[in-house]
Amino acid sequence: MSETLTEPETDAAHLDAYVDDVCALVARDLRMDELVERVAALNRELVSPGFRLPEQFRRIDATVPYTRNLVYQDPDKRMSVIAICWGPFQQTRVHDHLNWGVVSVLEGLVHEVEYDRVDDESDPWHAELRMRKTALHAPGGIVALAPPPSSNIHVMANAGHPATVTLHTYGDPGTKARVFDPATGVVELLDLPFHNT
């Protein structure tokens, strides 16, 4: 029997090592900006050319706006790693995250639209938004998100490729987000399901 690992086993081992390294960072008492910077650096190492997400995390469910496949959730709810798979032109709603996050593009092209809140934030269920910028993120691209009140309000979408795959690492269980309606100003807290559990 050959001792050489196949490509999928190698990629799975790299993903497992990434999760272990992020867990070790989260267990340390690091400043938020330093933690996010170090997780982003680990992402850059993971998504080097040739990395392919193991098949069990690449499933696309065409009946939902985008498919959230849980890779890892810390038992103490301190962090999670989620693979999001996007069919053609699938996208999120305008949303933010309740904690820090790091997103890396593995395959395809992601279109991101970022927003700023322009109200005084005194009403948690109403927000006035202004578009700040748009960006395209190619494979290897990394997006680092600070937690509120630092603005991380955005929309992410598959920019039209047959399939786009992103890897999201969050400083929480990854099961909730605030969603915003730019037209009405309504803010809701949304429960986010996993589609592979």
N, C-alpha and C. Protein backbone atom coordinates (compact mmCIF):
# COMPACT_ATOMS: atom_id res chain seq x y z
N MET A 1 0.84 -1.18 0.00
CA MET A 1 0.00 0.00 0.00
C MET A 1 0.88 1.25 0.00
N SER A 2 0.55 2.19 -0.86
CA SER A 2 1.34 3.41 -0.99
C SER A 2 1.20 4.30 0.23
N GLU A 3 2.28 4.96 0.60
CA GLU A 3 2.25 5.89 1.74
C GLU A 3 1.88 7.30 1.28
N THR A 4 1.78 7.52 -0.03
CA THR A 4 1.47 8.84 -0.56
C THR A 4 -0.01 9.15 -0.35
N LEU A 5 -0.28 10.31 0.19
CA LEU A 5 -1.67 10.72 0.38
C LEU A 5 -2.25 11.18 -0.94
N THR A 6 -3.53 10.90 -1.16
CA THR A 6 -4.20 11.43 -2.33
C THR A 6 -4.47 12.91 -2.10
N GLU A 7 -4.75 13.63 -3.17
CA GLU A 7 -4.99 15.07 -3.06
C GLU A 7 -6.13 15.41 -2.10
N PRO A 8 -7.31 14.73 -2.17
CA PRO A 8 -8.37 15.06 -1.22
C PRO A 8 -7.97 14.84 0.23
N GLU A 9 -7.21 13.76 0.52
CA GLU A 9 -6.78 13.52 1.90
C GLU A 9 -5.83 14.62 2.35
N THR A 10 -4.95 15.07 1.45
CA THR A 10 -4.03 16.14 1.78
C THR A 10 -4.80 17.42 2.09
N ASP A 11 -5.77 17.75 1.26
CA ASP A 11 -6.57 18.96 1.49
C ASP A 11 -7.34 18.86 2.79
N ALA A 12 -7.89 17.69 3.10
CA ALA A 12 -8.61 17.52 4.36
C ALA A 12 -7.66 17.71 5.54
N ALA A 13 -6.44 17.22 5.42
CA ALA A 13 -5.46 17.38 6.49
C ALA A 13 -5.10 18.85 6.67
N HIS A 14 -4.96 19.58 5.55
CA HIS A 14 -4.67 21.03 5.64
C HIS A 14 -5.82 21.77 6.31
N LEU A 15 -7.05 21.39 5.97
CA LEU A 15 -8.22 22.03 6.58
C LEU A 15 -8.28 21.73 8.07
N ASP A 16 -8.02 20.48 8.46
CA ASP A 16 -8.00 20.11 9.88
C ASP A 16 -6.93 20.90 10.64
N ALA A 17 -5.76 21.05 10.02
CA ALA A 17 -4.68 21.80 10.66
C ALA A 17 -5.06 23.27 10.82
N TYR A 18 -5.74 23.83 9.81
CA TYR A 18 -6.22 25.22 9.89
C TYR A 18 -7.17 25.37 11.07
N VAL A 19 -8.14 24.48 11.19
CA VAL A 19 -9.11 24.54 12.30
C VAL A 19 -8.37 24.46 13.63
N ASP A 20 -7.42 23.54 13.75
CA ASP A 20 -6.66 23.42 15.00
C ASP A 20 -5.90 24.70 15.32
N ASP A 21 -5.30 25.31 14.30
CA ASP A 21 -4.54 26.54 14.51
C ASP A 21 -5.45 27.70 14.93
N VAL A 22 -6.63 27.80 14.31
CA VAL A 22 -7.57 28.86 14.70
C VAL A 22 -8.06 28.64 16.13
N CYS A 23 -8.37 27.40 16.47
CA CYS A 23 -8.79 27.09 17.85
C CYS A 23 -7.72 27.50 18.85
N ALA A 24 -6.46 27.25 18.53
CA ALA A 24 -5.37 27.62 19.42
C ALA A 24 -5.28 29.14 19.57
N LEU A 25 -5.49 29.87 18.49
CA LEU A 25 -5.47 31.34 18.57
C LEU A 25 -6.62 31.87 19.41
N VAL A 26 -7.81 31.31 19.20
CA VAL A 26 -9.00 31.77 19.94
C VAL A 26 -8.83 31.52 21.43
N ALA A 27 -8.11 30.48 21.79
CA ALA A 27 -7.90 30.14 23.21
C ALA A 27 -6.95 31.11 23.90
N ARG A 28 -6.19 31.87 23.11
CA ARG A 28 -5.24 32.83 23.69
C ARG A 28 -5.95 34.16 23.96
N ASP A 29 -5.35 34.96 24.80
CA ASP A 29 -5.92 36.27 25.15
C ASP A 29 -5.33 37.34 24.24
N LEU A 30 -5.76 37.34 22.96
CA LEU A 30 -5.24 38.28 21.98
C LEU A 30 -6.19 39.45 21.81
N ARG A 31 -5.64 40.61 21.48
CA ARG A 31 -6.49 41.74 21.09
C ARG A 31 -7.27 41.34 19.84
N MET A 32 -8.47 41.89 19.68
CA MET A 32 -9.32 41.52 18.54
C MET A 32 -8.62 41.73 17.21
N ASP A 33 -7.96 42.89 17.02
CA ASP A 33 -7.32 43.16 15.74
C ASP A 33 -6.18 42.18 15.47
N GLU A 34 -5.44 41.80 16.50
CA GLU A 34 -4.36 40.84 16.34
C GLU A 34 -4.91 39.45 16.00
N LEU A 35 -5.99 39.06 16.66
CA LEU A 35 -6.61 37.77 16.39
C LEU A 35 -7.07 37.69 14.94
N VAL A 36 -7.78 38.72 14.48
CA VAL A 36 -8.29 38.73 13.10
C VAL A 36 -7.12 38.70 12.12
N GLU A 37 -6.08 39.47 12.39
CA GLU A 37 -4.91 39.49 11.51
C GLU A 37 -4.26 38.12 11.43
N ARG A 38 -4.15 37.42 12.56
CA ARG A 38 -3.52 36.09 12.56
C ARG A 38 -4.40 35.05 11.87
N VAL A 39 -5.72 35.13 12.07
CA VAL A 39 -6.62 34.20 11.37
C VAL A 39 -6.55 34.45 9.87
N ALA A 40 -6.50 35.72 9.47
CA ALA A 40 -6.37 36.04 8.04
C ALA A 40 -5.07 35.47 7.47
N ALA A 41 -3.98 35.53 8.23
CA ALA A 41 -2.71 34.96 7.78
C ALA A 41 -2.82 33.44 7.62
N LEU A 42 -3.50 32.79 8.56
CA LEU A 42 -3.71 31.33 8.43
C LEU A 42 -4.54 31.02 7.19
N ASN A 43 -5.53 31.88 6.90
CA ASN A 43 -6.33 31.71 5.68
C ASN A 43 -5.47 31.79 4.45
N ARG A 44 -4.57 32.76 4.41
CA ARG A 44 -3.70 32.92 3.23
C ARG A 44 -2.86 31.66 3.00
N GLU A 45 -2.38 31.07 4.08
CA GLU A 45 -1.61 29.83 3.95
C GLU A 45 -2.49 28.70 3.44
N LEU A 46 -3.70 28.59 3.98
CA LEU A 46 -4.60 27.49 3.61
C LEU A 46 -5.00 27.57 2.14
N VAL A 47 -5.34 28.75 1.66
CA VAL A 47 -5.90 28.87 0.31
C VAL A 47 -4.84 29.08 -0.75
N SER A 48 -3.63 28.63 -0.47
CA SER A 48 -2.59 28.71 -1.48
C SER A 48 -3.01 27.91 -2.71
N PRO A 49 -2.43 28.21 -3.88
CA PRO A 49 -2.84 27.52 -5.11
C PRO A 49 -2.82 25.99 -4.95
N GLY A 50 -3.85 25.36 -5.46
CA GLY A 50 -3.93 23.91 -5.40
C GLY A 50 -4.83 23.38 -4.30
N PHE A 51 -5.16 24.22 -3.28
CA PHE A 51 -6.05 23.74 -2.22
C PHE A 51 -7.45 23.59 -2.78
N ARG A 52 -8.08 22.48 -2.45
CA ARG A 52 -9.48 22.24 -2.85
C ARG A 52 -10.23 21.77 -1.61
N LEU A 53 -11.33 22.42 -1.34
CA LEU A 53 -12.16 22.06 -0.19
C LEU A 53 -12.65 20.63 -0.37
N PRO A 54 -12.56 19.80 0.67
CA PRO A 54 -13.07 18.42 0.56
C PRO A 54 -14.53 18.38 0.09
N GLU A 55 -14.84 17.36 -0.68
CA GLU A 55 -16.14 17.26 -1.36
C GLU A 55 -17.34 17.37 -0.43
N GLN A 56 -17.25 16.85 0.81
CA GLN A 56 -18.42 16.87 1.68
C GLN A 56 -18.84 18.30 2.06
N PHE A 57 -17.97 19.28 1.81
CA PHE A 57 -18.30 20.67 2.13
C PHE A 57 -18.60 21.50 0.88
N ARG A 58 -18.70 20.86 -0.28
CA ARG A 58 -18.87 21.57 -1.54
C ARG A 58 -20.29 21.48 -2.11
N ARG A 59 -21.21 20.93 -1.34
CA ARG A 59 -22.57 20.71 -1.84
C ARG A 59 -23.29 22.04 -2.03
N ILE A 60 -24.02 22.17 -3.14
CA ILE A 60 -24.86 23.34 -3.39
C ILE A 60 -26.31 22.90 -3.39
N ASP A 61 -27.12 23.55 -2.57
CA ASP A 61 -28.57 23.31 -2.52
C ASP A 61 -29.23 24.45 -3.29
N ALA A 62 -29.76 24.14 -4.47
CA ALA A 62 -30.34 25.16 -5.34
C ALA A 62 -31.63 25.75 -4.79
N THR A 63 -32.19 25.16 -3.73
CA THR A 63 -33.46 25.66 -3.18
C THR A 63 -33.26 26.77 -2.16
N VAL A 64 -32.02 27.09 -1.81
CA VAL A 64 -31.75 28.15 -0.84
C VAL A 64 -30.90 29.22 -1.51
N PRO A 65 -30.87 30.46 -0.95
CA PRO A 65 -30.12 31.54 -1.60
C PRO A 65 -28.62 31.27 -1.71
N TYR A 66 -28.06 30.49 -0.81
CA TYR A 66 -26.68 30.03 -0.84
C TYR A 66 -26.58 28.91 0.19
N THR A 67 -25.61 28.02 0.03
CA THR A 67 -25.53 26.82 0.86
C THR A 67 -24.46 26.98 1.92
N ARG A 68 -24.84 26.81 3.19
CA ARG A 68 -23.92 26.93 4.33
C ARG A 68 -23.59 25.54 4.85
N ASN A 69 -22.37 25.10 4.62
CA ASN A 69 -21.93 23.78 5.07
C ASN A 69 -20.99 23.94 6.26
N LEU A 70 -21.40 23.42 7.41
CA LEU A 70 -20.60 23.53 8.62
C LEU A 70 -19.36 22.65 8.52
N VAL A 71 -18.19 23.25 8.68
CA VAL A 71 -16.92 22.52 8.72
C VAL A 71 -16.57 22.21 10.17
N TYR A 72 -16.67 23.23 11.04
CA TYR A 72 -16.32 23.04 12.45
C TYR A 72 -17.03 24.09 13.29
N GLN A 73 -17.52 23.67 14.45
CA GLN A 73 -18.09 24.59 15.44
C GLN A 73 -17.49 24.24 16.80
N ASP A 74 -16.84 25.23 17.40
CA ASP A 74 -16.21 25.03 18.70
C ASP A 74 -17.26 24.64 19.74
N PRO A 75 -17.02 23.60 20.54
CA PRO A 75 -18.01 23.19 21.55
C PRO A 75 -18.35 24.30 22.55
N ASP A 76 -17.40 25.22 22.78
CA ASP A 76 -17.66 26.35 23.69
C ASP A 76 -18.21 27.56 22.97
N LYS A 77 -18.58 27.41 21.69
CA LYS A 77 -19.22 28.47 20.89
C LYS A 77 -18.33 29.68 20.65
N ARG A 78 -17.00 29.50 20.73
CA ARG A 78 -16.08 30.62 20.55
C ARG A 78 -15.78 30.90 19.08
N MET A 79 -15.96 29.92 18.20
CA MET A 79 -15.65 30.13 16.79
C MET A 79 -16.29 29.04 15.95
N SER A 80 -16.35 29.32 14.64
CA SER A 80 -16.87 28.34 13.69
C SER A 80 -16.18 28.53 12.36
N VAL A 81 -16.16 27.46 11.57
CA VAL A 81 -15.65 27.50 10.21
C VAL A 81 -16.75 26.95 9.32
N ILE A 82 -17.12 27.72 8.31
CA ILE A 82 -18.26 27.37 7.46
C ILE A 82 -17.84 27.53 6.00
N ALA A 83 -18.15 26.53 5.18
CA ALA A 83 -17.95 26.64 3.73
C ALA A 83 -19.28 27.10 3.14
N ILE A 84 -19.22 28.16 2.36
CA ILE A 84 -20.43 28.62 1.68
C ILE A 84 -20.25 28.38 0.20
N CYS A 85 -21.22 27.68 -0.39
CA CYS A 85 -21.19 27.34 -1.80
C CYS A 85 -22.33 28.08 -2.50
N TRP A 86 -21.99 28.73 -3.58
CA TRP A 86 -22.91 29.63 -4.27
C TRP A 86 -23.14 29.15 -5.69
N GLY A 87 -24.40 28.96 -6.07
CA GLY A 87 -24.73 28.71 -7.47
C GLY A 87 -24.68 30.03 -8.22
N PRO A 88 -24.95 30.01 -9.53
CA PRO A 88 -24.88 31.24 -10.33
C PRO A 88 -25.76 32.35 -9.75
N PHE A 89 -25.15 33.50 -9.53
CA PHE A 89 -25.82 34.72 -9.09
C PHE A 89 -26.52 34.61 -7.74
N GLN A 90 -26.23 33.59 -6.95
CA GLN A 90 -26.79 33.51 -5.60
C GLN A 90 -26.11 34.55 -4.72
N GLN A 91 -26.86 35.07 -3.73
CA GLN A 91 -26.30 36.11 -2.88
C GLN A 91 -26.97 36.14 -1.52
N THR A 92 -26.29 36.83 -0.59
CA THR A 92 -26.84 37.05 0.74
C THR A 92 -27.77 38.26 0.70
N ARG A 93 -28.48 38.47 1.79
CA ARG A 93 -29.15 39.74 2.02
C ARG A 93 -28.12 40.70 2.60
N VAL A 94 -28.47 41.99 2.70
CA VAL A 94 -27.58 42.95 3.36
C VAL A 94 -27.54 42.54 4.83
N HIS A 95 -26.33 42.35 5.36
CA HIS A 95 -26.22 41.81 6.72
C HIS A 95 -24.92 42.26 7.36
N ASP A 96 -24.84 42.06 8.67
CA ASP A 96 -23.56 42.15 9.36
C ASP A 96 -23.41 40.95 10.27
N HIS A 97 -22.26 40.87 10.90
CA HIS A 97 -21.95 39.73 11.76
C HIS A 97 -21.84 40.21 13.19
N LEU A 98 -22.20 39.37 14.11
CA LEU A 98 -22.24 39.76 15.52
C LEU A 98 -20.86 39.70 16.16
N ASN A 99 -19.88 39.19 15.42
CA ASN A 99 -18.52 39.09 15.95
C ASN A 99 -17.55 39.26 14.79
N TRP A 100 -16.26 39.01 15.02
CA TRP A 100 -15.26 39.11 13.97
C TRP A 100 -15.44 37.98 12.96
N GLY A 101 -14.88 38.19 11.79
CA GLY A 101 -14.92 37.14 10.78
C GLY A 101 -13.81 37.31 9.77
N VAL A 102 -13.43 36.22 9.14
CA VAL A 102 -12.46 36.23 8.05
C VAL A 102 -13.04 35.34 6.95
N VAL A 103 -13.13 35.89 5.74
CA VAL A 103 -13.70 35.17 4.60
C VAL A 103 -12.62 35.04 3.54
N SER A 104 -12.47 33.84 3.00
CA SER A 104 -11.52 33.65 1.90
C SER A 104 -12.25 33.03 0.72
N VAL A 105 -11.86 33.46 -0.46
CA VAL A 105 -12.45 32.94 -1.70
C VAL A 105 -11.59 31.76 -2.17
N LEU A 106 -12.23 30.61 -2.30
CA LEU A 106 -11.53 29.40 -2.75
C LEU A 106 -11.66 29.19 -4.25
N GLU A 107 -12.87 29.42 -4.77
CA GLU A 107 -13.13 29.21 -6.19
C GLU A 107 -14.14 30.24 -6.66
N GLY A 108 -14.07 30.60 -7.93
CA GLY A 108 -15.03 31.53 -8.50
C GLY A 108 -14.67 32.98 -8.21
N LEU A 109 -15.68 33.82 -8.28
CA LEU A 109 -15.49 35.25 -8.12
C LEU A 109 -16.62 35.77 -7.24
N VAL A 110 -16.26 36.52 -6.19
CA VAL A 110 -17.25 37.07 -5.26
C VAL A 110 -17.38 38.57 -5.48
N HIS A 111 -18.61 39.02 -5.59
CA HIS A 111 -18.90 40.46 -5.64
C HIS A 111 -19.38 40.86 -4.25
N GLU A 112 -18.72 41.84 -3.66
CA GLU A 112 -19.09 42.34 -2.33
C GLU A 112 -19.47 43.80 -2.44
N VAL A 113 -20.56 44.15 -1.77
CA VAL A 113 -20.99 45.55 -1.63
C VAL A 113 -20.96 45.88 -0.15
N GLU A 114 -20.20 46.90 0.23
CA GLU A 114 -20.09 47.30 1.63
C GLU A 114 -20.92 48.55 1.89
N TYR A 115 -21.48 48.61 3.10
CA TYR A 115 -22.33 49.72 3.51
C TYR A 115 -21.83 50.33 4.81
N ASP A 116 -22.13 51.61 5.00
CA ASP A 116 -21.93 52.29 6.28
C ASP A 116 -23.29 52.61 6.86
N ARG A 117 -23.37 52.56 8.19
CA ARG A 117 -24.56 53.08 8.87
C ARG A 117 -24.38 54.57 9.01
N VAL A 118 -25.42 55.32 8.66
CA VAL A 118 -25.34 56.79 8.74
C VAL A 118 -26.30 57.35 9.77
N ASP A 119 -27.03 56.48 10.49
CA ASP A 119 -27.89 56.93 11.58
C ASP A 119 -27.09 56.92 12.87
N ASP A 120 -27.72 57.32 13.97
CA ASP A 120 -27.00 57.37 15.26
C ASP A 120 -26.99 56.03 16.00
N GLU A 121 -27.57 55.00 15.41
CA GLU A 121 -27.61 53.64 15.95
C GLU A 121 -28.34 53.54 17.29
N SER A 122 -29.21 54.52 17.58
CA SER A 122 -29.94 54.50 18.85
C SER A 122 -31.09 53.49 18.84
N ASP A 123 -31.60 53.16 17.66
CA ASP A 123 -32.68 52.18 17.54
C ASP A 123 -32.09 50.90 16.96
N PRO A 124 -32.00 49.81 17.74
CA PRO A 124 -31.37 48.59 17.23
C PRO A 124 -32.14 47.94 16.09
N TRP A 125 -33.40 48.32 15.88
CA TRP A 125 -34.22 47.67 14.85
C TRP A 125 -34.48 48.57 13.64
N HIS A 126 -33.71 49.67 13.57
CA HIS A 126 -33.82 50.56 12.40
C HIS A 126 -32.43 51.10 12.07
N ALA A 127 -32.08 51.09 10.80
CA ALA A 127 -30.77 51.58 10.38
C ALA A 127 -30.88 52.29 9.03
N GLU A 128 -30.16 53.38 8.91
CA GLU A 128 -30.03 54.05 7.62
C GLU A 128 -28.66 53.71 7.07
N LEU A 129 -28.63 53.23 5.84
CA LEU A 129 -27.38 52.76 5.23
C LEU A 129 -27.01 53.59 4.02
N ARG A 130 -25.70 53.65 3.78
CA ARG A 130 -25.18 54.27 2.56
C ARG A 130 -24.13 53.32 2.00
N MET A 131 -24.22 53.08 0.69
CA MET A 131 -23.23 52.21 0.06
C MET A 131 -21.86 52.88 0.13
N ARG A 132 -20.86 52.11 0.58
CA ARG A 132 -19.50 52.63 0.69
C ARG A 132 -18.66 52.28 -0.53
N LYS A 133 -18.66 50.98 -0.90
CA LYS A 133 -17.86 50.57 -2.05
C LYS A 133 -18.29 49.18 -2.49
N THR A 134 -17.87 48.84 -3.69
CA THR A 134 -18.05 47.48 -4.19
C THR A 134 -16.67 46.93 -4.56
N ALA A 135 -16.55 45.61 -4.50
CA ALA A 135 -15.27 44.98 -4.82
C ALA A 135 -15.53 43.59 -5.38
N LEU A 136 -14.61 43.15 -6.22
CA LEU A 136 -14.60 41.77 -6.70
C LEU A 136 -13.43 41.06 -6.04
N HIS A 137 -13.69 39.87 -5.52
CA HIS A 137 -12.66 39.08 -4.85
C HIS A 137 -12.44 37.79 -5.62
N ALA A 138 -11.23 37.59 -6.09
CA ALA A 138 -10.85 36.40 -6.86
C ALA A 138 -10.33 35.33 -5.91
N PRO A 139 -10.11 34.11 -6.40
CA PRO A 139 -9.55 33.06 -5.54
C PRO A 139 -8.27 33.55 -4.85
N GLY A 140 -8.19 33.26 -3.55
CA GLY A 140 -7.09 33.73 -2.73
C GLY A 140 -7.40 35.04 -2.03
N GLY A 141 -8.48 35.71 -2.43
CA GLY A 141 -8.86 36.96 -1.79
C GLY A 141 -9.35 36.73 -0.37
N ILE A 142 -8.99 37.66 0.53
CA ILE A 142 -9.35 37.56 1.95
C ILE A 142 -10.09 38.82 2.35
N VAL A 143 -11.20 38.64 3.07
CA VAL A 143 -11.96 39.76 3.63
C VAL A 143 -11.98 39.59 5.15
N ALA A 144 -11.46 40.58 5.88
CA ALA A 144 -11.46 40.54 7.35
C ALA A 144 -12.54 41.49 7.86
N LEU A 145 -13.35 41.01 8.79
CA LEU A 145 -14.48 41.77 9.31
C LEU A 145 -14.33 41.99 10.80
N ALA A 146 -14.40 43.26 11.22
CA ALA A 146 -14.39 43.58 12.64
C ALA A 146 -15.81 43.48 13.17
N PRO A 147 -15.98 43.22 14.45
CA PRO A 147 -17.34 43.12 15.00
C PRO A 147 -17.98 44.50 15.13
N PRO A 148 -19.33 44.55 15.20
CA PRO A 148 -19.99 45.82 15.51
C PRO A 148 -19.45 46.35 16.84
N PRO A 149 -19.36 47.66 17.07
CA PRO A 149 -19.94 48.70 16.22
C PRO A 149 -19.11 49.07 15.01
N SER A 150 -17.91 48.50 14.83
CA SER A 150 -17.20 48.74 13.58
C SER A 150 -18.05 48.18 12.45
N SER A 151 -18.16 48.94 11.39
CA SER A 151 -19.07 48.54 10.33
C SER A 151 -18.54 47.32 9.59
N ASN A 152 -19.36 46.29 9.47
CA ASN A 152 -19.05 45.18 8.58
C ASN A 152 -20.31 44.79 7.82
N ILE A 153 -21.12 45.77 7.51
CA ILE A 153 -22.39 45.53 6.80
C ILE A 153 -22.07 45.35 5.32
N HIS A 154 -22.55 44.23 4.77
CA HIS A 154 -22.24 43.96 3.37
C HIS A 154 -23.22 42.97 2.75
N VAL A 155 -23.09 42.83 1.44
CA VAL A 155 -23.75 41.79 0.65
C VAL A 155 -22.63 41.05 -0.06
N MET A 156 -22.72 39.73 -0.08
CA MET A 156 -21.77 38.94 -0.85
C MET A 156 -22.55 38.09 -1.85
N ALA A 157 -21.97 37.94 -3.06
CA ALA A 157 -22.68 37.22 -4.12
C ALA A 157 -21.69 36.52 -5.03
N ASN A 158 -22.15 35.42 -5.62
CA ASN A 158 -21.43 34.80 -6.72
C ASN A 158 -21.56 35.75 -7.91
N ALA A 159 -20.44 36.16 -8.46
CA ALA A 159 -20.45 37.14 -9.54
C ALA A 159 -20.74 36.51 -10.90
N GLY A 160 -21.38 35.33 -10.91
CA GLY A 160 -21.84 34.76 -12.16
C GLY A 160 -21.21 33.47 -12.58
N HIS A 161 -20.22 33.00 -11.86
CA HIS A 161 -19.58 31.75 -12.22
C HIS A 161 -20.54 30.58 -11.96
N PRO A 162 -20.31 29.46 -12.62
CA PRO A 162 -21.16 28.29 -12.36
C PRO A 162 -21.20 27.92 -10.88
N ALA A 163 -20.05 28.04 -10.20
CA ALA A 163 -20.03 27.77 -8.77
C ALA A 163 -18.92 28.61 -8.14
N THR A 164 -19.21 29.14 -6.97
CA THR A 164 -18.22 29.88 -6.20
C THR A 164 -18.21 29.26 -4.81
N VAL A 165 -17.01 29.13 -4.23
CA VAL A 165 -16.85 28.53 -2.90
C VAL A 165 -16.04 29.47 -2.04
N THR A 166 -16.56 29.78 -0.85
CA THR A 166 -15.86 30.64 0.10
C THR A 166 -15.78 29.93 1.44
N LEU A 167 -14.75 30.29 2.22
CA LEU A 167 -14.56 29.72 3.55
C LEU A 167 -14.67 30.86 4.56
N HIS A 168 -15.56 30.70 5.55
CA HIS A 168 -15.86 31.74 6.53
C HIS A 168 -15.47 31.25 7.92
N THR A 169 -14.67 32.04 8.61
CA THR A 169 -14.28 31.74 9.98
C THR A 169 -14.81 32.87 10.84
N TYR A 170 -15.66 32.53 11.81
CA TYR A 170 -16.32 33.53 12.65
C TYR A 170 -15.95 33.33 14.12
N GLY A 171 -15.98 34.42 14.87
CA GLY A 171 -15.71 34.37 16.30
C GLY A 171 -16.94 34.08 17.12
N ASP A 172 -17.82 33.23 16.60
CA ASP A 172 -19.04 32.81 17.29
C ASP A 172 -19.54 31.54 16.60
N PRO A 173 -20.70 31.00 16.99
CA PRO A 173 -21.18 29.75 16.37
C PRO A 173 -21.57 29.87 14.90
N GLY A 174 -21.68 31.08 14.37
CA GLY A 174 -22.03 31.25 12.97
C GLY A 174 -23.48 30.98 12.66
N THR A 175 -24.35 31.14 13.65
CA THR A 175 -25.77 30.80 13.46
C THR A 175 -26.70 32.02 13.47
N LYS A 176 -26.15 33.23 13.62
CA LYS A 176 -27.01 34.42 13.64
C LYS A 176 -26.32 35.56 12.91
N ALA A 177 -27.13 36.42 12.32
CA ALA A 177 -26.64 37.66 11.69
C ALA A 177 -27.77 38.67 11.77
N ARG A 178 -27.41 39.94 11.72
CA ARG A 178 -28.42 40.98 11.57
C ARG A 178 -28.58 41.25 10.09
N VAL A 179 -29.82 41.33 9.62
CA VAL A 179 -30.09 41.66 8.23
C VAL A 179 -30.77 43.02 8.16
N PHE A 180 -30.46 43.75 7.11
CA PHE A 180 -30.90 45.12 6.95
C PHE A 180 -31.67 45.26 5.64
N ASP A 181 -32.76 46.02 5.68
CA ASP A 181 -33.48 46.37 4.46
C ASP A 181 -33.13 47.83 4.16
N PRO A 182 -32.27 48.08 3.16
CA PRO A 182 -31.87 49.46 2.90
C PRO A 182 -33.02 50.37 2.51
N ALA A 183 -34.09 49.81 1.94
CA ALA A 183 -35.22 50.65 1.51
C ALA A 183 -36.07 51.11 2.68
N THR A 184 -36.33 50.22 3.65
CA THR A 184 -37.22 50.57 4.76
C THR A 184 -36.47 50.90 6.05
N GLY A 185 -35.22 50.49 6.13
CA GLY A 185 -34.45 50.69 7.35
C GLY A 185 -34.66 49.62 8.40
N VAL A 186 -35.50 48.63 8.13
CA VAL A 186 -35.80 47.59 9.12
C VAL A 186 -34.59 46.68 9.33
N VAL A 187 -34.31 46.39 10.60
CA VAL A 187 -33.22 45.48 10.99
C VAL A 187 -33.84 44.28 11.68
N GLU A 188 -33.42 43.08 11.31
CA GLU A 188 -33.90 41.85 11.93
C GLU A 188 -32.72 40.99 12.36
N LEU A 189 -32.93 40.20 13.39
CA LEU A 189 -31.95 39.19 13.77
C LEU A 189 -32.37 37.88 13.10
N LEU A 190 -31.48 37.31 12.32
CA LEU A 190 -31.81 36.14 11.52
C LEU A 190 -31.08 34.92 12.03
N ASP A 191 -31.80 33.80 12.15
CA ASP A 191 -31.18 32.50 12.45
C ASP A 191 -30.67 31.92 11.14
N LEU A 192 -29.43 31.48 11.13
CA LEU A 192 -28.80 30.95 9.93
C LEU A 192 -28.62 29.45 10.05
N PRO A 193 -29.26 28.69 9.16
CA PRO A 193 -29.14 27.23 9.24
C PRO A 193 -27.88 26.72 8.55
N PHE A 194 -27.52 25.48 8.88
CA PHE A 194 -26.49 24.76 8.13
C PHE A 194 -27.22 23.77 7.26
N HIS A 195 -26.73 23.56 6.05
CA HIS A 195 -27.43 22.71 5.11
C HIS A 195 -26.83 21.31 5.00
N ASN A 196 -25.77 21.04 5.76
CA ASN A 196 -25.15 19.71 5.71
C ASN A 196 -25.24 18.98 7.04
N THR A 197 -26.10 19.45 7.95
CA THR A 197 -26.22 18.78 9.26
C THR A 197 -27.62 18.24 9.44
